[in-house]
Amino acid sequence: MRKINGIRKFVKLGLESEVKSVCANVEMVELYLKDNTKAHHTSKFELASEALLLRRGQPFYLAVRLNREYKPKKDTIRFIAECGKLNLIDFFFHLK
């Protein structure tokens, strides 16, 4: 079993087409960079025009478009947040 395009591919069992038809695929994600970085006071950072920079514990907004209707009783959506390895000294040099 290997992961391709966000789904597990069941090659040996011949279930690939069945899995694809069940899984919802993400078509687009809107991060609202301008609004979120303004609300989080990170809009003056150099990376804010390219990446979503958030502060821990504050709410933020995003929109996800799927290739089919979202079914709350059937579908599960998981978000994975990753933090970079930027230390505080490097962090301050990224200010505009």
PDB file of N, CA and C in Angstrom:
ATOM      1  N   MET A   1       0.848  -1.169   0.000  1.00  0.00           N
ATOM      2  CA  MET A   1       0.000   0.000   0.000  1.00  0.00           C
ATOM      3  C   MET A   1       0.900   1.241   0.000  1.00  0.00           C
ATOM      4  N   ARG A   2       0.630   2.193  -0.892  1.00  0.00           N
ATOM      5  CA  ARG A   2       1.390   3.434  -0.920  1.00  0.00           C
ATOM      6  C   ARG A   2       0.423   4.594  -1.080  1.00  0.00           C
ATOM      7  N   LYS A   3       0.879   5.790  -0.717  1.00  0.00           N
ATOM      8  CA  LYS A   3       0.008   6.952  -0.737  1.00  0.00           C
ATOM      9  C   LYS A   3       0.273   7.773  -1.993  1.00  0.00           C
ATOM     10  N   ILE A   4      -0.755   8.020  -2.782  1.00  0.00           N
ATOM     11  CA  ILE A   4      -0.637   8.815  -3.997  1.00  0.00           C
ATOM     12  C   ILE A   4      -1.806   9.787  -4.039  1.00  0.00           C
ATOM     13  N   ASN A   5      -1.490  11.075  -4.302  1.00  0.00           N
ATOM     14  CA  ASN A   5      -2.536  12.106  -4.396  1.00  0.00           C
ATOM     15  C   ASN A   5      -3.445  12.136  -3.171  1.00  0.00           C
ATOM     16  N   GLY A   6      -2.870  11.958  -1.986  1.00  0.00           N
ATOM     17  CA  GLY A   6      -3.637  12.068  -0.760  1.00  0.00           C
ATOM     18  C   GLY A   6      -4.503  10.863  -0.412  1.00  0.00           C
ATOM     19  N   ILE A   7      -4.486   9.807  -1.213  1.00  0.00           N
ATOM     20  CA  ILE A   7      -5.254   8.606  -0.863  1.00  0.00           C
ATOM     21  C   ILE A   7      -4.325   7.406  -0.873  1.00  0.00           C
ATOM     22  N   ARG A   8      -4.681   6.392  -0.122  1.00  0.00           N
ATOM     23  CA  ARG A   8      -3.894   5.165  -0.135  1.00  0.00           C
ATOM     24  C   ARG A   8      -4.278   4.357  -1.359  1.00  0.00           C
ATOM     25  N   LYS A   9      -3.287   3.877  -2.039  1.00  0.00           N
ATOM     26  CA  LYS A   9      -3.532   3.124  -3.266  1.00  0.00           C
ATOM     27  C   LYS A   9      -3.470   1.632  -2.948  1.00  0.00           C
ATOM     28  N   PHE A  10      -4.575   0.946  -3.160  1.00  0.00           N
ATOM     29  CA  PHE A  10      -4.663  -0.478  -2.889  1.00  0.00           C
ATOM     30  C   PHE A  10      -4.450  -1.240  -4.195  1.00  0.00           C
ATOM     31  N   VAL A  11      -3.204  -1.341  -4.608  1.00  0.00           N
ATOM     32  CA  VAL A  11      -2.893  -1.951  -5.898  1.00  0.00           C
ATOM     33  C   VAL A  11      -3.154  -3.450  -5.881  1.00  0.00           C
ATOM     34  N   LYS A  12      -2.704  -4.130  -4.846  1.00  0.00           N
ATOM     35  CA  LYS A  12      -2.824  -5.586  -4.796  1.00  0.00           C
ATOM     36  C   LYS A  12      -4.274  -6.048  -4.766  1.00  0.00           C
ATOM     37  N   LEU A  13      -5.143  -5.285  -4.123  1.00  0.00           N
ATOM     38  CA  LEU A  13      -6.532  -5.703  -3.985  1.00  0.00           C
ATOM     39  C   LEU A  13      -7.410  -5.234  -5.141  1.00  0.00           C
ATOM     40  N   GLY A  14      -6.869  -4.371  -5.999  1.00  0.00           N
ATOM     41  CA  GLY A  14      -7.649  -3.865  -7.122  1.00  0.00           C
ATOM     42  C   GLY A  14      -8.772  -2.926  -6.709  1.00  0.00           C
ATOM     43  N   LEU A  15      -8.591  -2.228  -5.589  1.00  0.00           N
ATOM     44  CA  LEU A  15      -9.642  -1.350  -5.067  1.00  0.00           C
ATOM     45  C   LEU A  15      -9.390   0.126  -5.362  1.00  0.00           C
ATOM     46  N   GLU A  16      -8.411   0.439  -6.181  1.00  0.00           N
ATOM     47  CA  GLU A  16      -8.047   1.837  -6.417  1.00  0.00           C
ATOM     48  C   GLU A  16      -9.229   2.676  -6.896  1.00  0.00           C
ATOM     49  N   SER A  17      -9.986   2.200  -7.867  1.00  0.00           N
ATOM     50  CA  SER A  17     -11.111   2.982  -8.395  1.00  0.00           C
ATOM     51  C   SER A  17     -12.204   3.160  -7.344  1.00  0.00           C
ATOM     52  N   GLU A  18     -12.421   2.155  -6.509  1.00  0.00           N
ATOM     53  CA  GLU A  18     -13.433   2.268  -5.456  1.00  0.00           C
ATOM     54  C   GLU A  18     -13.026   3.297  -4.414  1.00  0.00           C
ATOM     55  N   VAL A  19     -11.755   3.312  -4.034  1.00  0.00           N
ATOM     56  CA  VAL A  19     -11.259   4.269  -3.046  1.00  0.00           C
ATOM     57  C   VAL A  19     -11.358   5.683  -3.602  1.00  0.00           C
ATOM     58  N   LYS A  20     -10.963   5.896  -4.860  1.00  0.00           N
ATOM     59  CA  LYS A  20     -11.034   7.225  -5.467  1.00  0.00           C
ATOM     60  C   LYS A  20     -12.460   7.747  -5.526  1.00  0.00           C
ATOM     61  N   SER A  21     -13.411   6.893  -5.796  1.00  0.00           N
ATOM     62  CA  SER A  21     -14.797   7.347  -5.903  1.00  0.00           C
ATOM     63  C   SER A  21     -15.384   7.719  -4.544  1.00  0.00           C
ATOM     64  N   VAL A  22     -14.853   7.173  -3.474  1.00  0.00           N
ATOM     65  CA  VAL A  22     -15.347   7.450  -2.132  1.00  0.00           C
ATOM     66  C   VAL A  22     -14.693   8.691  -1.542  1.00  0.00           C
ATOM     67  N   CYS A  23     -13.414   8.901  -1.809  1.00  0.00           N
ATOM     68  CA  CYS A  23     -12.663  10.006  -1.226  1.00  0.00           C
ATOM     69  C   CYS A  23     -12.981  11.323  -1.921  1.00  0.00           C
ATOM     70  N   ALA A  24     -13.115  12.370  -1.116  1.00  0.00           N
ATOM     71  CA  ALA A  24     -13.262  13.719  -1.668  1.00  0.00           C
ATOM     72  C   ALA A  24     -11.864  14.285  -1.859  1.00  0.00           C
ATOM     73  N   ASN A  25     -11.615  14.887  -2.997  1.00  0.00           N
ATOM     74  CA  ASN A  25     -10.316  15.491  -3.273  1.00  0.00           C
ATOM     75  C   ASN A  25     -10.407  17.001  -3.150  1.00  0.00           C
ATOM     76  N   VAL A  26      -9.345  17.607  -2.648  1.00  0.00           N
ATOM     77  CA  VAL A  26      -9.281  19.060  -2.509  1.00  0.00           C
ATOM     78  C   VAL A  26      -8.954  19.660  -3.871  1.00  0.00           C
ATOM     79  N   GLU A  27      -9.796  20.565  -4.335  1.00  0.00           N
ATOM     80  CA  GLU A  27      -9.559  21.247  -5.605  1.00  0.00           C
ATOM     81  C   GLU A  27      -8.861  22.583  -5.405  1.00  0.00           C
ATOM     82  N   MET A  28      -9.167  23.281  -4.291  1.00  0.00           N
ATOM     83  CA  MET A  28      -8.600  24.590  -4.046  1.00  0.00           C
ATOM     84  C   MET A  28      -8.648  24.911  -2.556  1.00  0.00           C
ATOM     85  N   VAL A  29      -7.648  25.655  -2.090  1.00  0.00           N
ATOM     86  CA  VAL A  29      -7.646  26.150  -0.713  1.00  0.00           C
ATOM     87  C   VAL A  29      -7.378  27.648  -0.763  1.00  0.00           C
ATOM     88  N   GLU A  30      -8.251  28.425  -0.152  1.00  0.00           N
ATOM     89  CA  GLU A  30      -8.061  29.875  -0.049  1.00  0.00           C
ATOM     90  C   GLU A  30      -7.619  30.164   1.378  1.00  0.00           C
ATOM     91  N   LEU A  31      -6.425  30.745   1.537  1.00  0.00           N
ATOM     92  CA  LEU A  31      -5.860  30.987   2.864  1.00  0.00           C
ATOM     93  C   LEU A  31      -6.172  32.376   3.413  1.00  0.00           C
ATOM     94  N   TYR A  32      -6.760  33.232   2.608  1.00  0.00           N
ATOM     95  CA  TYR A  32      -7.061  34.607   3.026  1.00  0.00           C
ATOM     96  C   TYR A  32      -5.835  35.253   3.670  1.00  0.00           C
ATOM     97  N   LEU A  33      -4.724  35.235   2.928  1.00  0.00           N
ATOM     98  CA  LEU A  33      -3.448  35.739   3.450  1.00  0.00           C
ATOM     99  C   LEU A  33      -3.562  37.149   4.008  1.00  0.00           C
ATOM    100  N   LYS A  34      -4.132  38.054   3.232  1.00  0.00           N
ATOM    101  CA  LYS A  34      -4.195  39.456   3.656  1.00  0.00           C
ATOM    102  C   LYS A  34      -4.999  39.607   4.949  1.00  0.00           C
ATOM    103  N   ASP A  35      -6.165  38.996   5.016  1.00  0.00           N
ATOM    104  CA  ASP A  35      -7.023  39.118   6.202  1.00  0.00           C
ATOM    105  C   ASP A  35      -6.414  38.433   7.427  1.00  0.00           C
ATOM    106  N   ASN A  36      -5.898  37.213   7.241  1.00  0.00           N
ATOM    107  CA  ASN A  36      -5.341  36.469   8.373  1.00  0.00           C
ATOM    108  C   ASN A  36      -4.060  37.094   8.909  1.00  0.00           C
ATOM    109  N   THR A  37      -3.164  37.532   8.014  1.00  0.00           N
ATOM    110  CA  THR A  37      -1.916  38.133   8.503  1.00  0.00           C
ATOM    111  C   THR A  37      -2.184  39.472   9.186  1.00  0.00           C
ATOM    112  N   LYS A  38      -3.188  40.199   8.720  1.00  0.00           N
ATOM    113  CA  LYS A  38      -3.556  41.456   9.387  1.00  0.00           C
ATOM    114  C   LYS A  38      -4.097  41.168  10.787  1.00  0.00           C
ATOM    115  N   ALA A  39      -4.996  40.203  10.897  1.00  0.00           N
ATOM    116  CA  ALA A  39      -5.586  39.844  12.191  1.00  0.00           C
ATOM    117  C   ALA A  39      -4.551  39.291  13.166  1.00  0.00           C
ATOM    118  N   HIS A  40      -3.518  38.651  12.647  1.00  0.00           N
ATOM    119  CA  HIS A  40      -2.484  38.035  13.491  1.00  0.00           C
ATOM    120  C   HIS A  40      -1.260  38.933  13.655  1.00  0.00           C
ATOM    121  N   HIS A  41      -1.337  40.143  13.131  1.00  0.00           N
ATOM    122  CA  HIS A  41      -0.236  41.115  13.215  1.00  0.00           C
ATOM    123  C   HIS A  41       1.064  40.547  12.649  1.00  0.00           C
ATOM    124  N   THR A  42       0.959  39.837  11.531  1.00  0.00           N
ATOM    125  CA  THR A  42       2.145  39.273  10.874  1.00  0.00           C
ATOM    126  C   THR A  42       2.289  39.787   9.443  1.00  0.00           C
ATOM    127  N   SER A  43       1.502  40.780   9.066  1.00  0.00           N
ATOM    128  CA  SER A  43       1.494  41.259   7.677  1.00  0.00           C
ATOM    129  C   SER A  43       2.789  41.958   7.269  1.00  0.00           C
ATOM    130  N   LYS A  44       3.595  42.409   8.232  1.00  0.00           N
ATOM    131  CA  LYS A  44       4.842  43.104   7.888  1.00  0.00           C
ATOM    132  C   LYS A  44       6.034  42.169   7.730  1.00  0.00           C
ATOM    133  N   PHE A  45       5.823  40.893   7.955  1.00  0.00           N
ATOM    134  CA  PHE A  45       6.899  39.931   7.760  1.00  0.00           C
ATOM    135  C   PHE A  45       7.074  39.653   6.274  1.00  0.00           C
ATOM    136  N   GLU A  46       8.313  39.450   5.871  1.00  0.00           N
ATOM    137  CA  GLU A  46       8.653  39.221   4.463  1.00  0.00           C
ATOM    138  C   GLU A  46       7.887  38.040   3.864  1.00  0.00           C
ATOM    139  N   LEU A  47       7.744  36.980   4.611  1.00  0.00           N
ATOM    140  CA  LEU A  47       7.090  35.766   4.106  1.00  0.00           C
ATOM    141  C   LEU A  47       5.571  35.870   4.041  1.00  0.00           C
ATOM    142  N   ALA A  48       4.991  36.919   4.621  1.00  0.00           N
ATOM    143  CA  ALA A  48       3.533  37.019   4.714  1.00  0.00           C
ATOM    144  C   ALA A  48       2.845  37.115   3.357  1.00  0.00           C
ATOM    145  N   SER A  49       3.564  37.528   2.323  1.00  0.00           N
ATOM    146  CA  SER A  49       2.944  37.603   0.998  1.00  0.00           C
ATOM    147  C   SER A  49       2.942  36.242   0.299  1.00  0.00           C
ATOM    148  N   GLU A  50       3.713  35.277   0.819  1.00  0.00           N
ATOM    149  CA  GLU A  50       3.840  33.958   0.192  1.00  0.00           C
ATOM    150  C   GLU A  50       3.245  32.828   1.027  1.00  0.00           C
ATOM    151  N   ALA A  51       3.232  32.999   2.338  1.00  0.00           N
ATOM    152  CA  ALA A  51       2.822  31.910   3.227  1.00  0.00           C
ATOM    153  C   ALA A  51       1.905  32.449   4.316  1.00  0.00           C
ATOM    154  N   LEU A  52       1.101  31.576   4.861  1.00  0.00           N
ATOM    155  CA  LEU A  52       0.202  31.948   5.942  1.00  0.00           C
ATOM    156  C   LEU A  52       0.983  31.934   7.251  1.00  0.00           C
ATOM    157  N   LEU A  53       1.141  33.108   7.850  1.00  0.00           N
ATOM    158  CA  LEU A  53       1.857  33.234   9.118  1.00  0.00           C
ATOM    159  C   LEU A  53       0.838  33.538  10.205  1.00  0.00           C
ATOM    160  N   LEU A  54       0.730  32.638  11.168  1.00  0.00           N
ATOM    161  CA  LEU A  54      -0.276  32.755  12.220  1.00  0.00           C
ATOM    162  C   LEU A  54       0.380  32.776  13.585  1.00  0.00           C
ATOM    163  N   ARG A  55      -0.353  33.296  14.540  1.00  0.00           N
ATOM    164  CA  ARG A  55       0.098  33.257  15.929  1.00  0.00           C
ATOM    165  C   ARG A  55      -0.704  32.186  16.661  1.00  0.00           C
ATOM    166  N   ARG A  56      -0.013  31.491  17.519  1.00  0.00           N
ATOM    167  CA  ARG A  56      -0.624  30.378  18.250  1.00  0.00           C
ATOM    168  C   ARG A  56      -1.809  30.856  19.098  1.00  0.00           C
ATOM    169  N   GLY A  57      -2.886  30.097  19.054  1.00  0.00           N
ATOM    170  CA  GLY A  57      -4.032  30.365  19.909  1.00  0.00           C
ATOM    171  C   GLY A  57      -5.047  31.342  19.352  1.00  0.00           C
ATOM    172  N   GLN A  58      -4.790  31.920  18.190  1.00  0.00           N
ATOM    173  CA  GLN A  58      -5.738  32.861  17.599  1.00  0.00           C
ATOM    174  C   GLN A  58      -6.493  32.181  16.456  1.00  0.00           C
ATOM    175  N   PRO A  59      -7.768  32.518  16.292  1.00  0.00           N
ATOM    176  CA  PRO A  59      -8.532  31.915  15.187  1.00  0.00           C
ATOM    177  C   PRO A  59      -8.069  32.443  13.834  1.00  0.00           C
ATOM    178  N   PHE A  60      -8.290  31.665  12.791  1.00  0.00           N
ATOM    179  CA  PHE A  60      -7.986  32.090  11.428  1.00  0.00           C
ATOM    180  C   PHE A  60      -9.026  31.487  10.501  1.00  0.00           C
ATOM    181  N   TYR A  61      -9.068  32.007   9.285  1.00  0.00           N
ATOM    182  CA  TYR A  61     -10.065  31.568   8.317  1.00  0.00           C
ATOM    183  C   TYR A  61      -9.400  30.963   7.095  1.00  0.00           C
ATOM    184  N   LEU A  62     -10.026  29.945   6.548  1.00  0.00           N
ATOM    185  CA  LEU A  62      -9.623  29.392   5.263  1.00  0.00           C
ATOM    186  C   LEU A  62     -10.839  28.736   4.633  1.00  0.00           C
ATOM    187  N   ALA A  63     -10.792  28.593   3.329  1.00  0.00           N
ATOM    188  CA  ALA A  63     -11.878  27.937   2.595  1.00  0.00           C
ATOM    189  C   ALA A  63     -11.283  26.791   1.799  1.00  0.00           C
ATOM    190  N   VAL A  64     -11.967  25.670   1.807  1.00  0.00           N
ATOM    191  CA  VAL A  64     -11.519  24.484   1.080  1.00  0.00           C
ATOM    192  C   VAL A  64     -12.622  24.080   0.106  1.00  0.00           C
ATOM    193  N   ARG A  65     -12.263  23.956  -1.167  1.00  0.00           N
ATOM    194  CA  ARG A  65     -13.229  23.482  -2.167  1.00  0.00           C
ATOM    195  C   ARG A  65     -12.906  22.030  -2.498  1.00  0.00           C
ATOM    196  N   LEU A  66     -13.904  21.168  -2.367  1.00  0.00           N
ATOM    197  CA  LEU A  66     -13.748  19.748  -2.672  1.00  0.00           C
ATOM    198  C   LEU A  66     -14.352  19.444  -4.038  1.00  0.00           C
ATOM    199  N   ASN A  67     -14.015  18.290  -4.577  1.00  0.00           N
ATOM    200  CA  ASN A  67     -14.540  17.900  -5.889  1.00  0.00           C
ATOM    201  C   ASN A  67     -15.977  17.367  -5.819  1.00  0.00           C
ATOM    202  N   ARG A  68     -16.500  17.275  -4.613  1.00  0.00           N
ATOM    203  CA  ARG A  68     -17.887  16.846  -4.433  1.00  0.00           C
ATOM    204  C   ARG A  68     -18.413  17.443  -3.137  1.00  0.00           C
ATOM    205  N   GLU A  69     -19.696  17.270  -2.894  1.00  0.00           N
ATOM    206  CA  GLU A  69     -20.330  17.815  -1.699  1.00  0.00           C
ATOM    207  C   GLU A  69     -19.738  17.175  -0.438  1.00  0.00           C
ATOM    208  N   TYR A  70     -19.506  18.000   0.587  1.00  0.00           N
ATOM    209  CA  TYR A  70     -19.030  17.523   1.883  1.00  0.00           C
ATOM    210  C   TYR A  70     -20.213  16.931   2.652  1.00  0.00           C
ATOM    211  N   LYS A  71     -20.025  15.729   3.173  1.00  0.00           N
ATOM    212  CA  LYS A  71     -21.077  15.040   3.925  1.00  0.00           C
ATOM    213  C   LYS A  71     -20.608  14.884   5.373  1.00  0.00           C
ATOM    214  N   PRO A  72     -21.047  15.781   6.272  1.00  0.00           N
ATOM    215  CA  PRO A  72     -20.549  15.789   7.653  1.00  0.00           C
ATOM    216  C   PRO A  72     -20.695  14.459   8.394  1.00  0.00           C
ATOM    217  N   LYS A  73     -21.741  13.716   8.119  1.00  0.00           N
ATOM    218  CA  LYS A  73     -21.944  12.443   8.829  1.00  0.00           C
ATOM    219  C   LYS A  73     -21.075  11.327   8.272  1.00  0.00           C
ATOM    220  N   LYS A  74     -20.535  11.533   7.074  1.00  0.00           N
ATOM    221  CA  LYS A  74     -19.775  10.475   6.410  1.00  0.00           C
ATOM    222  C   LYS A  74     -18.292  10.823   6.240  1.00  0.00           C
ATOM    223  N   ASP A  75     -18.001  12.102   5.990  1.00  0.00           N
ATOM    224  CA  ASP A  75     -16.632  12.527   5.690  1.00  0.00           C
ATOM    225  C   ASP A  75     -15.890  13.002   6.926  1.00  0.00           C
ATOM    226  N   THR A  76     -14.590  12.832   6.905  1.00  0.00           N
ATOM    227  CA  THR A  76     -13.705  13.346   7.940  1.00  0.00           C
ATOM    228  C   THR A  76     -12.670  14.234   7.269  1.00  0.00           C
ATOM    229  N   ILE A  77     -12.489  15.431   7.811  1.00  0.00           N
ATOM    230  CA  ILE A  77     -11.455  16.331   7.295  1.00  0.00           C
ATOM    231  C   ILE A  77     -10.415  16.502   8.385  1.00  0.00           C
ATOM    232  N   ARG A  78      -9.160  16.353   8.015  1.00  0.00           N
ATOM    233  CA  ARG A  78      -8.051  16.531   8.954  1.00  0.00           C
ATOM    234  C   ARG A  78      -7.132  17.614   8.425  1.00  0.00           C
ATOM    235  N   PHE A  79      -6.737  18.525   9.297  1.00  0.00           N
ATOM    236  CA  PHE A  79      -5.774  19.562   8.957  1.00  0.00           C
ATOM    237  C   PHE A  79      -4.491  19.271   9.716  1.00  0.00           C
ATOM    238  N   ILE A  80      -3.384  19.360   9.025  1.00  0.00           N
ATOM    239  CA  ILE A  80      -2.081  19.136   9.650  1.00  0.00           C
ATOM    240  C   ILE A  80      -1.312  20.447   9.590  1.00  0.00           C
ATOM    241  N   ALA A  81      -0.961  20.982  10.748  1.00  0.00           N
ATOM    242  CA  ALA A  81      -0.191  22.223  10.822  1.00  0.00           C
ATOM    243  C   ALA A  81       1.262  21.869  11.089  1.00  0.00           C
ATOM    244  N   GLU A  82       2.149  22.484  10.341  1.00  0.00           N
ATOM    245  CA  GLU A  82       3.577  22.244  10.533  1.00  0.00           C
ATOM    246  C   GLU A  82       4.259  23.556  10.880  1.00  0.00           C
ATOM    247  N   CYS A  83       5.200  23.474  11.784  1.00  0.00           N
ATOM    248  CA  CYS A  83       5.985  24.643  12.169  1.00  0.00           C
ATOM    249  C   CYS A  83       7.373  24.506  11.574  1.00  0.00           C
ATOM    250  N   GLY A  84       7.914  25.616  11.111  1.00  0.00           N
ATOM    251  CA  GLY A  84       9.257  25.599  10.540  1.00  0.00           C
ATOM    252  C   GLY A  84      10.317  25.560  11.617  1.00  0.00           C
ATOM    253  N   LYS A  85      11.571  25.559  11.184  1.00  0.00           N
ATOM    254  CA  LYS A  85      12.700  25.494  12.106  1.00  0.00           C
ATOM    255  C   LYS A  85      13.332  26.869  12.307  1.00  0.00           C
ATOM    256  N   LEU A  86      12.567  27.921  12.064  1.00  0.00           N
ATOM    257  CA  LEU A  86      13.075  29.280  12.160  1.00  0.00           C
ATOM    258  C   LEU A  86      13.264  29.654  13.629  1.00  0.00           C
ATOM    259  N   ASN A  87      14.505  29.987  14.030  1.00  0.00           N
ATOM    260  CA  ASN A  87      14.701  30.387  15.419  1.00  0.00           C
ATOM    261  C   ASN A  87      14.450  31.887  15.569  1.00  0.00           C
ATOM    262  N   LEU A  88      14.411  32.372  16.792  1.00  0.00           N
ATOM    263  CA  LEU A  88      14.038  33.766  17.032  1.00  0.00           C
ATOM    264  C   LEU A  88      14.967  34.773  16.370  1.00  0.00           C
ATOM    265  N   ILE A  89      16.272  34.511  16.334  1.00  0.00           N
ATOM    266  CA  ILE A  89      17.209  35.453  15.712  1.00  0.00           C
ATOM    267  C   ILE A  89      16.902  35.580  14.223  1.00  0.00           C
ATOM    268  N   ASP A  90      16.760  34.462  13.537  1.00  0.00           N
ATOM    269  CA  ASP A  90      16.402  34.502  12.118  1.00  0.00           C
ATOM    270  C   ASP A  90      15.027  35.124  11.923  1.00  0.00           C
ATOM    271  N   PHE A  91      14.142  34.864  12.855  1.00  0.00           N
ATOM    272  CA  PHE A  91      12.767  35.330  12.767  1.00  0.00           C
ATOM    273  C   PHE A  91      12.707  36.855  12.675  1.00  0.00           C
ATOM    274  N   PHE A  92      13.473  37.551  13.494  1.00  0.00           N
ATOM    275  CA  PHE A  92      13.429  39.010  13.506  1.00  0.00           C
ATOM    276  C   PHE A  92      14.035  39.623  12.254  1.00  0.00           C
ATOM    277  N   PHE A  93      14.915  38.939  11.571  1.00  0.00           N
ATOM    278  CA  PHE A  93      15.508  39.469  10.345  1.00  0.00           C
ATOM    279  C   PHE A  93      14.578  39.349   9.144  1.00  0.00           C
ATOM    280  N   HIS A  94      13.453  38.692   9.295  1.00  0.00           N
ATOM    281  CA  HIS A  94      12.492  38.562   8.203  1.00  0.00           C
ATOM    282  C   HIS A  94      11.452  39.679   8.202  1.00  0.00           C
ATOM    283  N   LEU A  95      11.577  40.636   9.120  1.00  0.00           N
ATOM    284  CA  LEU A  95      10.668  41.778   9.124  1.00  0.00           C
ATOM    285  C   LEU A  95      10.941  42.665   7.925  1.00  0.00           C
ATOM    286  N   LYS A  96       9.889  43.244   7.334  1.00  0.00           N
ATOM    287  CA  LYS A  96      10.069  44.185   6.216  1.00  0.00           C
ATOM    288  C   LYS A  96      10.512  45.525   6.752  1.00  0.00           C
TER     289      LYS A  96
END
